[in-house]
Amino acid sequence: MSRFYRYRLPPWARKCIFVAETVCTPIMIFQLIRTLLIPTTLDILLLGLLIGLVVAFYLQWI
């Protein structure tokens, strides 16, 4: 178990994490479609960041 435990955070921080976790997947899907249509360097970097964030939420690193 990691030292970071999200349920020990203050309620406002916990809510921010839950909202970010909920919103991140649809934004990642939109960014994936956008990157497939018009790939730019910024789009690829942003997609990589979003994929990393979704994986971190899935594995509960955050």
N, C-alpha and C. Protein backbone atom coordinates (compact mmCIF):
# COMPACT_ATOMS: atom_id res chain seq x y z
N MET A 1 0.85 -1.17 0.00
CA MET A 1 0.00 0.00 0.00
C MET A 1 0.89 1.23 0.00
N SER A 2 0.52 2.20 -0.80
CA SER A 2 1.33 3.39 -0.91
C SER A 2 1.09 4.34 0.26
N ARG A 3 1.96 5.29 0.39
CA ARG A 3 1.82 6.27 1.45
C ARG A 3 0.70 7.25 1.16
N PHE A 4 0.34 7.39 -0.12
CA PHE A 4 -0.72 8.30 -0.52
C PHE A 4 -2.04 7.55 -0.52
N TYR A 5 -2.93 7.94 0.36
CA TYR A 5 -4.23 7.29 0.46
C TYR A 5 -5.29 8.35 0.26
N ARG A 6 -6.03 8.26 -0.85
CA ARG A 6 -6.93 9.34 -1.24
C ARG A 6 -8.08 9.58 -0.27
N TYR A 7 -8.45 8.61 0.52
CA TYR A 7 -9.57 8.79 1.43
C TYR A 7 -9.16 9.52 2.71
N ARG A 8 -7.87 9.72 2.93
CA ARG A 8 -7.41 10.49 4.08
C ARG A 8 -7.26 11.96 3.75
N LEU A 9 -7.49 12.34 2.51
CA LEU A 9 -7.40 13.74 2.10
C LEU A 9 -8.61 14.51 2.59
N PRO A 10 -8.51 15.85 2.61
CA PRO A 10 -9.69 16.66 2.94
C PRO A 10 -10.79 16.42 1.91
N PRO A 11 -12.05 16.64 2.28
CA PRO A 11 -13.16 16.37 1.35
C PRO A 11 -13.06 17.13 0.03
N TRP A 12 -12.59 18.37 0.05
CA TRP A 12 -12.51 19.14 -1.20
C TRP A 12 -11.46 18.55 -2.14
N ALA A 13 -10.33 18.06 -1.60
CA ALA A 13 -9.29 17.47 -2.44
C ALA A 13 -9.75 16.12 -2.99
N ARG A 14 -10.45 15.35 -2.17
CA ARG A 14 -10.97 14.06 -2.61
C ARG A 14 -11.98 14.25 -3.73
N LYS A 15 -12.82 15.28 -3.61
CA LYS A 15 -13.81 15.55 -4.67
C LYS A 15 -13.12 15.97 -5.96
N CYS A 16 -12.06 16.75 -5.86
CA CYS A 16 -11.32 17.15 -7.06
C CYS A 16 -10.72 15.94 -7.77
N ILE A 17 -10.20 14.99 -7.00
CA ILE A 17 -9.63 13.78 -7.60
C ILE A 17 -10.72 12.95 -8.28
N PHE A 18 -11.88 12.82 -7.64
CA PHE A 18 -12.96 12.05 -8.23
C PHE A 18 -13.49 12.70 -9.51
N VAL A 19 -13.59 14.03 -9.52
CA VAL A 19 -14.04 14.73 -10.73
C VAL A 19 -13.02 14.58 -11.85
N ALA A 20 -11.74 14.72 -11.52
CA ALA A 20 -10.70 14.56 -12.55
C ALA A 20 -10.69 13.14 -13.10
N GLU A 21 -10.92 12.16 -12.24
CA GLU A 21 -10.96 10.77 -12.68
C GLU A 21 -12.13 10.52 -13.62
N THR A 22 -13.27 11.15 -13.35
CA THR A 22 -14.46 10.97 -14.17
C THR A 22 -14.33 11.68 -15.52
N VAL A 23 -13.73 12.84 -15.54
CA VAL A 23 -13.67 13.66 -16.74
C VAL A 23 -12.53 13.26 -17.67
N CYS A 24 -11.52 12.62 -17.14
CA CYS A 24 -10.29 12.37 -17.89
C CYS A 24 -10.50 11.41 -19.07
N THR A 25 -11.29 10.37 -18.92
CA THR A 25 -11.47 9.39 -19.99
C THR A 25 -12.17 9.98 -21.22
N PRO A 26 -13.29 10.71 -21.09
CA PRO A 26 -13.89 11.30 -22.30
C PRO A 26 -12.98 12.31 -22.99
N ILE A 27 -12.22 13.08 -22.21
CA ILE A 27 -11.28 14.03 -22.82
C ILE A 27 -10.18 13.28 -23.56
N MET A 28 -9.72 12.16 -23.01
CA MET A 28 -8.70 11.37 -23.67
C MET A 28 -9.22 10.80 -24.99
N ILE A 29 -10.46 10.32 -25.00
CA ILE A 29 -11.03 9.77 -26.24
C ILE A 29 -11.17 10.86 -27.30
N PHE A 30 -11.62 12.04 -26.90
CA PHE A 30 -11.71 13.16 -27.84
C PHE A 30 -10.33 13.52 -28.38
N GLN A 31 -9.33 13.55 -27.51
CA GLN A 31 -7.98 13.89 -27.93
C GLN A 31 -7.41 12.82 -28.86
N LEU A 32 -7.75 11.56 -28.63
CA LEU A 32 -7.29 10.49 -29.51
C LEU A 32 -7.87 10.67 -30.91
N ILE A 33 -9.16 10.98 -31.00
CA ILE A 33 -9.78 11.20 -32.31
C ILE A 33 -9.16 12.40 -33.00
N ARG A 34 -8.95 13.46 -32.25
CA ARG A 34 -8.34 14.68 -32.81
C ARG A 34 -6.91 14.40 -33.30
N THR A 35 -6.17 13.61 -32.54
CA THR A 35 -4.79 13.29 -32.92
C THR A 35 -4.76 12.41 -34.17
N LEU A 36 -5.72 11.50 -34.30
CA LEU A 36 -5.75 10.66 -35.50
C LEU A 36 -6.11 11.46 -36.74
N LEU A 37 -6.93 12.50 -36.59
CA LEU A 37 -7.32 13.30 -37.75
C LEU A 37 -6.27 14.34 -38.14
N ILE A 38 -5.79 15.09 -37.16
CA ILE A 38 -4.81 16.14 -37.42
C ILE A 38 -3.68 16.03 -36.40
N PRO A 39 -2.70 15.18 -36.64
CA PRO A 39 -1.64 15.00 -35.64
C PRO A 39 -0.64 16.16 -35.63
N THR A 40 -0.47 16.75 -34.48
CA THR A 40 0.58 17.74 -34.27
C THR A 40 1.39 17.30 -33.05
N THR A 41 2.50 17.93 -32.85
CA THR A 41 3.36 17.57 -31.73
C THR A 41 2.65 17.81 -30.40
N LEU A 42 1.96 18.92 -30.29
CA LEU A 42 1.24 19.24 -29.06
C LEU A 42 0.14 18.23 -28.78
N ASP A 43 -0.58 17.82 -29.82
CA ASP A 43 -1.64 16.81 -29.65
C ASP A 43 -1.08 15.48 -29.16
N ILE A 44 0.05 15.08 -29.70
CA ILE A 44 0.65 13.81 -29.29
C ILE A 44 1.14 13.88 -27.85
N LEU A 45 1.74 14.98 -27.47
CA LEU A 45 2.19 15.15 -26.09
C LEU A 45 1.01 15.18 -25.11
N LEU A 46 -0.04 15.88 -25.48
CA LEU A 46 -1.22 15.97 -24.63
C LEU A 46 -1.90 14.61 -24.51
N LEU A 47 -1.96 13.85 -25.60
CA LEU A 47 -2.53 12.52 -25.55
C LEU A 47 -1.70 11.59 -24.66
N GLY A 48 -0.40 11.68 -24.75
CA GLY A 48 0.47 10.88 -23.88
C GLY A 48 0.27 11.22 -22.42
N LEU A 49 0.13 12.49 -22.11
CA LEU A 49 -0.13 12.93 -20.73
C LEU A 49 -1.47 12.40 -20.23
N LEU A 50 -2.49 12.49 -21.07
CA LEU A 50 -3.81 12.00 -20.68
C LEU A 50 -3.84 10.49 -20.50
N ILE A 51 -3.16 9.77 -21.37
CA ILE A 51 -3.09 8.31 -21.22
C ILE A 51 -2.38 7.95 -19.92
N GLY A 52 -1.30 8.63 -19.62
CA GLY A 52 -0.60 8.40 -18.36
C GLY A 52 -1.47 8.70 -17.15
N LEU A 53 -2.26 9.76 -17.23
CA LEU A 53 -3.15 10.12 -16.13
C LEU A 53 -4.26 9.09 -15.95
N VAL A 54 -4.84 8.61 -17.05
CA VAL A 54 -5.89 7.60 -16.96
C VAL A 54 -5.33 6.29 -16.40
N VAL A 55 -4.14 5.91 -16.83
CA VAL A 55 -3.51 4.70 -16.30
C VAL A 55 -3.22 4.86 -14.81
N ALA A 56 -2.76 6.03 -14.40
CA ALA A 56 -2.49 6.27 -12.98
C ALA A 56 -3.76 6.19 -12.16
N PHE A 57 -4.87 6.70 -12.68
CA PHE A 57 -6.14 6.59 -11.97
C PHE A 57 -6.61 5.14 -11.93
N TYR A 58 -6.43 4.42 -13.02
CA TYR A 58 -6.88 3.03 -13.09
C TYR A 58 -6.11 2.15 -12.10
N LEU A 59 -4.81 2.36 -12.02
CA LEU A 59 -3.98 1.58 -11.10
C LEU A 59 -3.98 2.15 -9.68
N GLN A 60 -4.73 3.22 -9.49
CA GLN A 60 -4.88 3.92 -8.21
C GLN A 60 -3.55 4.38 -7.66
N TRP A 61 -2.68 4.91 -8.54
CA TRP A 61 -1.47 5.56 -8.09
C TRP A 61 -1.80 6.95 -7.59
N ILE A 62 -2.91 7.50 -8.07
CA ILE A 62 -3.37 8.83 -7.65
C ILE A 62 -4.68 8.65 -6.92
